[in-house]
Amino acid sequence: MVFDDAKSSRWNVFEFPRITDPRGDLTFLEGGNHIPFDIARVYYLYNVPVDADRGGHGHRDLQQVIFALSGSFRITLDDGAVRQEYLLRNPRQGLYLTGKVWREIDLFSQGAVCMVLASLPYDEADYLRDYNDFLTYARNTG
């Protein structure tokens, strides 16, 4: 399921299937089926101090789906024209980002776990780490 509260075409919130029985819940996803790319990399953030900031960069081409597997955190997105904040706290929901999205992540709850599925292997050349460089790139490449 896709939520339609996104203010930009460069991001959206997906809700993934859940199977529930007396033993608990199971949520699953399949690359190419539930998300719009093949998964090339998975990483996760944990033991993040509650006052820490993460992100603070954009990507040229990388697509991602970001999850709060446990706890919560805020993510602020910016495509050069629109800014929007999300509080991620439901492990069934993933925030899908295309390329050309600046992201800042903060307000981590104690014990929060942030998992990211990525469309490409790590490549430093894909990162835009200066906000003004990001804005120039986003505006000049559509």
C-alpha atoms as a PDB file:
ATOM      1  CA  MET A   1       0.000   0.000   0.000  1.00  0.00           C
ATOM      2  CA  VAL A   2       1.260   3.485  -0.851  1.00  0.00           C
ATOM      3  CA  PHE A   3       0.264   6.515   1.215  1.00  0.00           C
ATOM      4  CA  ASP A   4      -0.516   9.681  -0.716  1.00  0.00           C
ATOM      5  CA  ASP A   5       0.582  12.375   1.740  1.00  0.00           C
ATOM      6  CA  ALA A   6       3.915  12.953  -0.012  1.00  0.00           C
ATOM      7  CA  LYS A   7       4.495  16.533  -1.088  1.00  0.00           C
ATOM      8  CA  SER A   8       7.074  15.493  -3.706  1.00  0.00           C
ATOM      9  CA  SER A   9       7.166  12.809  -6.386  1.00  0.00           C
ATOM     10  CA  ARG A  10      10.643  11.878  -5.121  1.00  0.00           C
ATOM     11  CA  TRP A  11       9.424  10.082  -1.966  1.00  0.00           C
ATOM     12  CA  ASN A  12       6.524   8.062  -0.631  1.00  0.00           C
ATOM     13  CA  VAL A  13       5.602   5.838   2.306  1.00  0.00           C
ATOM     14  CA  PHE A  14       4.917   2.179   1.561  1.00  0.00           C
ATOM     15  CA  GLU A  15       3.180  -0.207   3.939  1.00  0.00           C
ATOM     16  CA  PHE A  16       4.305  -3.812   3.671  1.00  0.00           C
ATOM     17  CA  PRO A  17       2.315  -7.020   4.230  1.00  0.00           C
ATOM     18  CA  ARG A  18       1.925  -8.455   7.707  1.00  0.00           C
ATOM     19  CA  ILE A  19       1.145 -11.971   8.832  1.00  0.00           C
ATOM     20  CA  THR A  20      -0.117 -12.208  12.409  1.00  0.00           C
ATOM     21  CA  ASP A  21      -0.646 -15.259  14.576  1.00  0.00           C
ATOM     22  CA  PRO A  22      -0.415 -15.984  18.328  1.00  0.00           C
ATOM     23  CA  ARG A  23       3.391 -16.125  18.059  1.00  0.00           C
ATOM     24  CA  GLY A  24       3.635 -12.527  16.843  1.00  0.00           C
ATOM     25  CA  ASP A  25       3.862 -10.558  13.615  1.00  0.00           C
ATOM     26  CA  LEU A  26       5.932 -11.153  10.496  1.00  0.00           C
ATOM     27  CA  THR A  27       6.409  -8.490   7.818  1.00  0.00           C
ATOM     28  CA  PHE A  28       8.097  -9.300   4.534  1.00  0.00           C
ATOM     29  CA  LEU A  29       9.127  -7.655   1.306  1.00  0.00           C
ATOM     30  CA  GLU A  30      10.588  -8.848  -1.945  1.00  0.00           C
ATOM     31  CA  GLY A  31      12.894  -6.809  -4.152  1.00  0.00           C
ATOM     32  CA  GLY A  32      11.235  -6.035  -7.471  1.00  0.00           C
ATOM     33  CA  ASN A  33       7.812  -6.913  -6.033  1.00  0.00           C
ATOM     34  CA  HIS A  34       7.144  -4.737  -2.976  1.00  0.00           C
ATOM     35  CA  ILE A  35       9.794  -2.127  -3.724  1.00  0.00           C
ATOM     36  CA  PRO A  36      10.627  -0.574  -7.115  1.00  0.00           C
ATOM     37  CA  PHE A  37      14.256  -1.739  -7.335  1.00  0.00           C
ATOM     38  CA  ASP A  38      16.482  -4.743  -6.829  1.00  0.00           C
ATOM     39  CA  ILE A  39      18.236  -4.622  -3.462  1.00  0.00           C
ATOM     40  CA  ALA A  40      22.006  -4.190  -3.866  1.00  0.00           C
ATOM     41  CA  ARG A  41      22.858  -3.219  -0.280  1.00  0.00           C
ATOM     42  CA  VAL A  42      21.340  -3.333   3.202  1.00  0.00           C
ATOM     43  CA  TYR A  43      22.635  -1.418   6.201  1.00  0.00           C
ATOM     44  CA  TYR A  44      21.281  -0.369   9.558  1.00  0.00           C
ATOM     45  CA  LEU A  45      21.917   2.214  12.247  1.00  0.00           C
ATOM     46  CA  TYR A  46      21.672   1.270  15.913  1.00  0.00           C
ATOM     47  CA  ASN A  47      23.033   2.424  19.270  1.00  0.00           C
ATOM     48  CA  VAL A  48      22.483   5.956  17.971  1.00  0.00           C
ATOM     49  CA  PRO A  49      22.626   8.526  20.798  1.00  0.00           C
ATOM     50  CA  VAL A  50      19.258  10.252  21.204  1.00  0.00           C
ATOM     51  CA  ASP A  51      20.835  13.652  20.470  1.00  0.00           C
ATOM     52  CA  ALA A  52      22.701  12.499  17.336  1.00  0.00           C
ATOM     53  CA  ASP A  53      22.024  13.659  13.795  1.00  0.00           C
ATOM     54  CA  ARG A  54      22.517  11.311  10.842  1.00  0.00           C
ATOM     55  CA  GLY A  55      22.177  11.768   7.113  1.00  0.00           C
ATOM     56  CA  GLY A  56      22.916  15.333   6.107  1.00  0.00           C
ATOM     57  CA  HIS A  57      23.458  14.385   2.474  1.00  0.00           C
ATOM     58  CA  GLY A  58      21.725  13.615  -0.798  1.00  0.00           C
ATOM     59  CA  HIS A  59      22.313  11.109  -3.572  1.00  0.00           C
ATOM     60  CA  ARG A  60      22.532  11.517  -7.320  1.00  0.00           C
ATOM     61  CA  ASP A  61      20.940   8.210  -8.342  1.00  0.00           C
ATOM     62  CA  LEU A  62      20.600   5.919  -5.318  1.00  0.00           C
ATOM     63  CA  GLN A  63      17.093   4.781  -4.395  1.00  0.00           C
ATOM     64  CA  GLN A  64      16.381   3.699  -0.828  1.00  0.00           C
ATOM     65  CA  VAL A  65      13.649   2.395   1.443  1.00  0.00           C
ATOM     66  CA  ILE A  66      14.157   3.441   5.072  1.00  0.00           C
ATOM     67  CA  PHE A  67      12.528   1.622   7.999  1.00  0.00           C
ATOM     68  CA  ALA A  68      12.260   2.134  11.750  1.00  0.00           C
ATOM     69  CA  LEU A  69      12.535  -1.520  12.768  1.00  0.00           C
ATOM     70  CA  SER A  70      12.445  -0.569  16.433  1.00  0.00           C
ATOM     71  CA  GLY A  71      11.785   2.721  18.179  1.00  0.00           C
ATOM     72  CA  SER A  72      11.399   5.910  16.186  1.00  0.00           C
ATOM     73  CA  PHE A  73      13.224   8.755  14.499  1.00  0.00           C
ATOM     74  CA  ARG A  74      12.414  11.819  12.438  1.00  0.00           C
ATOM     75  CA  ILE A  75      13.545  12.173   8.850  1.00  0.00           C
ATOM     76  CA  THR A  76      13.418  15.499   7.017  1.00  0.00           C
ATOM     77  CA  LEU A  77      13.395  15.305   3.217  1.00  0.00           C
ATOM     78  CA  ASP A  78      14.167  18.043   0.712  1.00  0.00           C
ATOM     79  CA  ASP A  79      14.110  17.851  -3.095  1.00  0.00           C
ATOM     80  CA  GLY A  80      15.275  21.436  -3.630  1.00  0.00           C
ATOM     81  CA  ALA A  81      11.713  22.761  -3.879  1.00  0.00           C
ATOM     82  CA  VAL A  82       9.794  20.986  -1.096  1.00  0.00           C
ATOM     83  CA  ARG A  83      10.682  19.983   2.483  1.00  0.00           C
ATOM     84  CA  GLN A  84       8.696  17.392   4.404  1.00  0.00           C
ATOM     85  CA  GLU A  85       9.143  15.652   7.754  1.00  0.00           C
ATOM     86  CA  TYR A  86       8.161  12.113   8.688  1.00  0.00           C
ATOM     87  CA  LEU A  87       8.255  10.394  12.049  1.00  0.00           C
ATOM     88  CA  LEU A  88       9.075   6.768  11.312  1.00  0.00           C
ATOM     89  CA  ARG A  89       7.958   4.366  14.032  1.00  0.00           C
ATOM     90  CA  ASN A  90       6.032   1.528  12.383  1.00  0.00           C
ATOM     91  CA  PRO A  91       8.185  -1.418  11.236  1.00  0.00           C
ATOM     92  CA  ARG A  92       5.611  -2.223   8.522  1.00  0.00           C
ATOM     93  CA  GLN A  93       6.172   1.135   6.848  1.00  0.00           C
ATOM     94  CA  GLY A  94       9.122   2.057   4.676  1.00  0.00           C
ATOM     95  CA  LEU A  95       9.941   5.499   3.339  1.00  0.00           C
ATOM     96  CA  TYR A  96      10.909   5.235  -0.339  1.00  0.00           C
ATOM     97  CA  LEU A  97      13.341   7.834  -1.699  1.00  0.00           C
ATOM     98  CA  THR A  98      14.475   8.325  -5.272  1.00  0.00           C
ATOM     99  CA  GLY A  99      17.734  10.049  -6.141  1.00  0.00           C
ATOM    100  CA  LYS A 100      18.010  13.817  -5.701  1.00  0.00           C
ATOM    101  CA  VAL A 101      16.623  13.859  -2.155  1.00  0.00           C
ATOM    102  CA  TRP A 102      18.470  15.510   0.731  1.00  0.00           C
ATOM    103  CA  ARG A 103      17.822  13.763   4.037  1.00  0.00           C
ATOM    104  CA  GLU A 104      18.455  14.612   7.682  1.00  0.00           C
ATOM    105  CA  ILE A 105      17.657  12.085  10.418  1.00  0.00           C
ATOM    106  CA  ASP A 106      17.321  13.012  14.092  1.00  0.00           C
ATOM    107  CA  LEU A 107      15.212  12.601  17.238  1.00  0.00           C
ATOM    108  CA  PHE A 108      16.195   8.953  17.638  1.00  0.00           C
ATOM    109  CA  SER A 109      14.373   7.237  20.477  1.00  0.00           C
ATOM    110  CA  GLN A 110      16.339   5.090  22.902  1.00  0.00           C
ATOM    111  CA  GLY A 111      17.022   1.749  21.196  1.00  0.00           C
ATOM    112  CA  ALA A 112      15.899   2.863  17.729  1.00  0.00           C
ATOM    113  CA  VAL A 113      17.012   0.740  14.780  1.00  0.00           C
ATOM    114  CA  CYS A 114      16.994   2.293  11.296  1.00  0.00           C
ATOM    115  CA  MET A 115      17.344  -0.162   8.401  1.00  0.00           C
ATOM    116  CA  VAL A 116      17.993   0.981   4.826  1.00  0.00           C
ATOM    117  CA  LEU A 117      17.568  -0.990   1.603  1.00  0.00           C
ATOM    118  CA  ALA A 118      19.600   0.515  -1.242  1.00  0.00           C
ATOM    119  CA  SER A 119      19.439   0.094  -5.010  1.00  0.00           C
ATOM    120  CA  LEU A 120      23.201   0.385  -5.550  1.00  0.00           C
ATOM    121  CA  PRO A 121      26.408  -0.693  -3.821  1.00  0.00           C
ATOM    122  CA  TYR A 122      28.199   2.012  -1.851  1.00  0.00           C
ATOM    123  CA  ASP A 123      29.743   4.641  -4.140  1.00  0.00           C
ATOM    124  CA  GLU A 124      31.096   7.858  -2.637  1.00  0.00           C
ATOM    125  CA  ALA A 125      30.700   9.582  -6.036  1.00  0.00           C
ATOM    126  CA  ASP A 126      26.902   9.237  -5.696  1.00  0.00           C
ATOM    127  CA  TYR A 127      26.854  11.322  -2.492  1.00  0.00           C
ATOM    128  CA  LEU A 128      26.187  15.064  -2.368  1.00  0.00           C
ATOM    129  CA  ARG A 129      27.459  16.111   1.060  1.00  0.00           C
ATOM    130  CA  ASP A 130      27.195  19.896   0.725  1.00  0.00           C
ATOM    131  CA  TYR A 131      23.632  21.259   0.706  1.00  0.00           C
ATOM    132  CA  ASN A 132      24.385  24.020  -1.808  1.00  0.00           C
ATOM    133  CA  ASP A 133      26.011  21.501  -4.170  1.00  0.00           C
ATOM    134  CA  PHE A 134      22.922  19.316  -3.758  1.00  0.00           C
ATOM    135  CA  LEU A 135      20.603  22.217  -4.621  1.00  0.00           C
ATOM    136  CA  THR A 136      22.608  23.051  -7.726  1.00  0.00           C
ATOM    137  CA  TYR A 137      22.598  19.424  -8.852  1.00  0.00           C
ATOM    138  CA  ALA A 138      18.881  18.891  -8.121  1.00  0.00           C
ATOM    139  CA  ARG A 139      17.838  22.054  -9.952  1.00  0.00           C
ATOM    140  CA  ASN A 140      20.080  21.480 -12.973  1.00  0.00           C
ATOM    141  CA  THR A 141      19.195  17.827 -13.538  1.00  0.00           C
ATOM    142  CA  GLY A 142      15.423  17.983 -13.069  1.00  0.00           C
END
